[in-house]
C-alpha atoms as a PDB file:
ATOM      1  CA  MET A   1      75.439 133.891  94.631  1.00  0.00           C
ATOM      2  CA  LEU A   2      77.448 132.641  97.597  1.00  0.00           C
ATOM      3  CA  PRO A   3      78.851 129.099  97.459  1.00  0.00           C
ATOM      4  CA  THR A   4      77.147 126.590  99.659  1.00  0.00           C
ATOM      5  CA  TYR A   5      79.026 124.502 102.234  1.00  0.00           C
ATOM      6  CA  MET A   6      79.319 120.750 101.325  1.00  0.00           C
ATOM      7  CA  ALA A   7      80.050 118.316 104.221  1.00  0.00           C
ATOM      8  CA  PRO A   8      82.685 115.784 103.575  1.00  0.00           C
ATOM      9  CA  THR A   9      81.414 112.548 102.223  1.00  0.00           C
ATOM     10  CA  ASP A  10      82.568 109.105 101.349  1.00  0.00           C
ATOM     11  CA  LEU A  11      82.766 110.365  97.759  1.00  0.00           C
ATOM     12  CA  THR A  12      85.168 113.031  98.715  1.00  0.00           C
ATOM     13  CA  THR A  13      87.211 110.594 100.759  1.00  0.00           C
ATOM     14  CA  ARG A  14      87.306 108.183  97.865  1.00  0.00           C
ATOM     15  CA  SER A  15      88.381 110.941  95.426  1.00  0.00           C
ATOM     16  CA  LEU A  16      91.317 111.930  97.624  1.00  0.00           C
ATOM     17  CA  GLN A  17      92.238 108.307  98.216  1.00  0.00           C
ATOM     18  CA  LYS A  18      92.222 107.487  94.541  1.00  0.00           C
ATOM     19  CA  GLY A  19      94.525 110.456  93.837  1.00  0.00           C
ATOM     20  CA  SER A  20      96.981 109.255  96.446  1.00  0.00           C
ATOM     21  CA  ALA A  21      96.601 105.483  96.040  1.00  0.00           C
ATOM     22  CA  GLU A  22      99.936 104.712  94.301  1.00  0.00           C
ATOM     23  CA  PHE A  23     101.789 106.961  96.836  1.00  0.00           C
ATOM     24  CA  LEU A  24     100.234 105.083  99.940  1.00  0.00           C
ATOM     25  CA  VAL A  25     100.962 101.623  98.499  1.00  0.00           C
ATOM     26  CA  LEU A  26     104.612 102.583  97.568  1.00  0.00           C
ATOM     27  CA  ALA A  27     104.999 104.124 101.105  1.00  0.00           C
ATOM     28  CA  VAL A  28     103.807 100.867 102.830  1.00  0.00           C
ATOM     29  CA  LEU A  29     106.144  98.797 100.571  1.00  0.00           C
ATOM     30  CA  GLU A  30     109.125 100.914 101.609  1.00  0.00           C
ATOM     31  CA  GLY A  31     109.612  98.409 104.483  1.00  0.00           C
ATOM     32  CA  PRO A  32     109.596  94.558 104.155  1.00  0.00           C
ATOM     33  CA  GLN A  33     107.761  92.817 101.421  1.00  0.00           C
ATOM     34  CA  ARG A  34     104.054  92.425 102.030  1.00  0.00           C
ATOM     35  CA  HIS A  35     101.046  90.668 100.467  1.00  0.00           C
ATOM     36  CA  GLY A  36      98.060  92.582  99.316  1.00  0.00           C
ATOM     37  CA  TYR A  37      95.873  91.930 102.275  1.00  0.00           C
ATOM     38  CA  GLU A  38      98.625  93.085 104.553  1.00  0.00           C
ATOM     39  CA  ILE A  39      99.034  96.233 102.474  1.00  0.00           C
ATOM     40  CA  ALA A  40      95.424  97.098 102.784  1.00  0.00           C
ATOM     41  CA  GLN A  41      95.424  96.391 106.470  1.00  0.00           C
ATOM     42  CA  LEU A  42      98.547  98.599 107.129  1.00  0.00           C
ATOM     43  CA  ILE A  43      97.070 101.516 105.257  1.00  0.00           C
ATOM     44  CA  ALA A  44      93.815 101.199 107.328  1.00  0.00           C
ATOM     45  CA  GLU A  45      95.658 100.838 110.592  1.00  0.00           C
ATOM     46  CA  ARG A  46      98.056 103.674 110.011  1.00  0.00           C
ATOM     47  CA  SER A  47      95.220 105.941 108.890  1.00  0.00           C
ATOM     48  CA  GLU A  48      93.088 104.919 111.922  1.00  0.00           C
ATOM     49  CA  ASN A  49      90.631 103.413 109.415  1.00  0.00           C
ATOM     50  CA  ARG A  50      90.081 106.597 107.523  1.00  0.00           C
ATOM     51  CA  LEU A  51      91.585 105.116 104.319  1.00  0.00           C
ATOM     52  CA  LYS A  52      90.486 101.638 103.173  1.00  0.00           C
ATOM     53  CA  PHE A  53      91.355  99.673 100.020  1.00  0.00           C
ATOM     54  CA  GLN A  54      89.055  97.020  98.670  1.00  0.00           C
ATOM     55  CA  ALA A  55      90.621  94.035  96.813  1.00  0.00           C
ATOM     56  CA  ALA A  56      88.931  95.162  93.697  1.00  0.00           C
ATOM     57  CA  THR A  57      90.972  98.421  93.870  1.00  0.00           C
ATOM     58  CA  LEU A  58      94.183  97.286  95.391  1.00  0.00           C
ATOM     59  CA  TYR A  59      95.137  94.319  93.287  1.00  0.00           C
ATOM     60  CA  PRO A  60      94.721  96.078  89.888  1.00  0.00           C
ATOM     61  CA  LEU A  61      96.875  98.914  91.322  1.00  0.00           C
ATOM     62  CA  LEU A  62      99.518  96.473  92.525  1.00  0.00           C
ATOM     63  CA  TYR A  63      99.665  94.796  89.023  1.00  0.00           C
ATOM     64  CA  LYS A  64      99.936  98.314  87.327  1.00  0.00           C
ATOM     65  CA  LEU A  65     102.796  99.212  89.792  1.00  0.00           C
ATOM     66  CA  GLU A  66     104.463  95.973  88.957  1.00  0.00           C
ATOM     67  CA  LYS A  67     104.076  96.595  85.142  1.00  0.00           C
ATOM     68  CA  GLN A  68     105.683  99.967  85.629  1.00  0.00           C
ATOM     69  CA  GLY A  69     108.648  98.303  87.321  1.00  0.00           C
ATOM     70  CA  TRP A  70     107.918 100.189  90.605  1.00  0.00           C
ATOM     71  CA  VAL A  71     107.192  96.988  92.647  1.00  0.00           C
ATOM     72  CA  GLU A  72     108.118  93.421  92.191  1.00  0.00           C
ATOM     73  CA  GLY A  73     105.862  90.522  93.129  1.00  0.00           C
ATOM     74  CA  ARG A  74     106.635  86.920  93.773  1.00  0.00           C
ATOM     75  CA  TRP A  75     104.455  84.040  94.640  1.00  0.00           C
ATOM     76  CA  VAL A  76     105.112  82.294  98.061  1.00  0.00           C
ATOM     77  CA  GLU A  77     103.721  78.934  99.117  1.00  0.00           C
ATOM     78  CA  LYS A  78     103.840  77.754 102.732  1.00  0.00           C
ATOM     79  CA  ALA A  79     102.657  74.335 104.062  1.00  0.00           C
ATOM     80  CA  GLY A  80      99.128  74.574 105.343  1.00  0.00           C
ATOM     81  CA  GLN A  81      98.518  78.060 103.786  1.00  0.00           C
ATOM     82  CA  ARG A  82      97.260  79.232 100.498  1.00  0.00           C
ATOM     83  CA  ARG A  83      99.565  80.679  98.080  1.00  0.00           C
ATOM     84  CA  ARG A  84     100.235  84.513  98.349  1.00  0.00           C
ATOM     85  CA  ARG A  85     101.831  87.104  96.145  1.00  0.00           C
ATOM     86  CA  PHE A  86     104.337  89.263  98.163  1.00  0.00           C
ATOM     87  CA  TYR A  87     105.372  92.665  96.811  1.00  0.00           C
ATOM     88  CA  ARG A  88     108.488  94.694  97.451  1.00  0.00           C
ATOM     89  CA  LEU A  89     109.630  98.105  96.260  1.00  0.00           C
ATOM     90  CA  THR A  90     112.216  98.216  93.518  1.00  0.00           C
ATOM     91  CA  ALA A  91     114.960 100.821  93.120  1.00  0.00           C
ATOM     92  CA  ALA A  92     112.808 102.654  90.480  1.00  0.00           C
ATOM     93  CA  GLY A  93     109.877 102.549  92.960  1.00  0.00           C
ATOM     94  CA  ARG A  94     112.145 104.075  95.651  1.00  0.00           C
ATOM     95  CA  GLY A  95     112.890 106.895  93.312  1.00  0.00           C
ATOM     96  CA  VAL A  96     109.248 107.494  92.498  1.00  0.00           C
ATOM     97  CA  LEU A  97     108.405 107.450  96.210  1.00  0.00           C
ATOM     98  CA  GLY A  98     110.967 110.000  96.974  1.00  0.00           C
ATOM     99  CA  GLU A  99     109.602 112.322  94.211  1.00  0.00           C
ATOM    100  CA  ARG A 100     106.031 111.808  95.296  1.00  0.00           C
ATOM    101  CA  ARG A 101     106.959 112.663  98.892  1.00  0.00           C
ATOM    102  CA  ARG A 102     108.608 115.896  97.651  1.00  0.00           C
ATOM    103  CA  VAL A 103     105.512 116.818  95.609  1.00  0.00           C
ATOM    104  CA  TRP A 104     103.086 116.022  98.501  1.00  0.00           C
ATOM    105  CA  ARG A 105     105.171 118.117 100.954  1.00  0.00           C
ATOM    106  CA  GLU A 106     105.075 121.077  98.616  1.00  0.00           C
ATOM    107  CA  PHE A 107     101.386 120.610  98.050  1.00  0.00           C
ATOM    108  CA  PHE A 108     100.714 120.411 101.919  1.00  0.00           C
ATOM    109  CA  ASP A 109     102.907 123.534 102.464  1.00  0.00           C
ATOM    110  CA  ALA A 110     100.909 125.431  99.798  1.00  0.00           C
ATOM    111  CA  LEU A 111      97.605 124.298 101.366  1.00  0.00           C
ATOM    112  CA  ASP A 112      98.929 125.448 104.764  1.00  0.00           C
ATOM    113  CA  GLN A 113      99.998 128.893 103.452  1.00  0.00           C
ATOM    114  CA  VAL A 114      96.499 129.475 102.030  1.00  0.00           C
ATOM    115  CA  ALA A 115      94.112 127.567 104.295  1.00  0.00           C
ATOM    116  CA  ARG A 116      96.137 127.166 107.521  1.00  0.00           C
ATOM    117  CA  VAL A 117      95.490 123.499 107.809  1.00  0.00           C
ATOM    118  CA  ARG A 118      98.253 122.581 110.240  1.00  0.00           C
ATOM    119  CA  HIS A 119      97.821 122.790 113.982  1.00  0.00           C
ATOM    120  CA  ALA A 120      98.968 126.001 115.582  1.00  0.00           C
END
């Protein structure tokens, strides 16, 4: 029996996003420190709204990354604004980010060799 074509769905996108969530957050935190909402906005903006994080997904991930020692968070209070937790990449997080980039590059190269996914 021949396989049937399955069109991309939100489920497919969510599965891919889940598998790359840590990588995306670490990459965004490579620059200046950012608060959670800003992290989500940057990921959406840089991906042209193809990747989106909900608070229910993002904040537990940030806490997990903090517990692993890959990011560091601190509370900041400013007059007239609500308190926000800002996150920055740690030295350990930079190392993990570098390794993840290497792994993703190898994965994309392999995909391209098999499926020719890059533009000609």
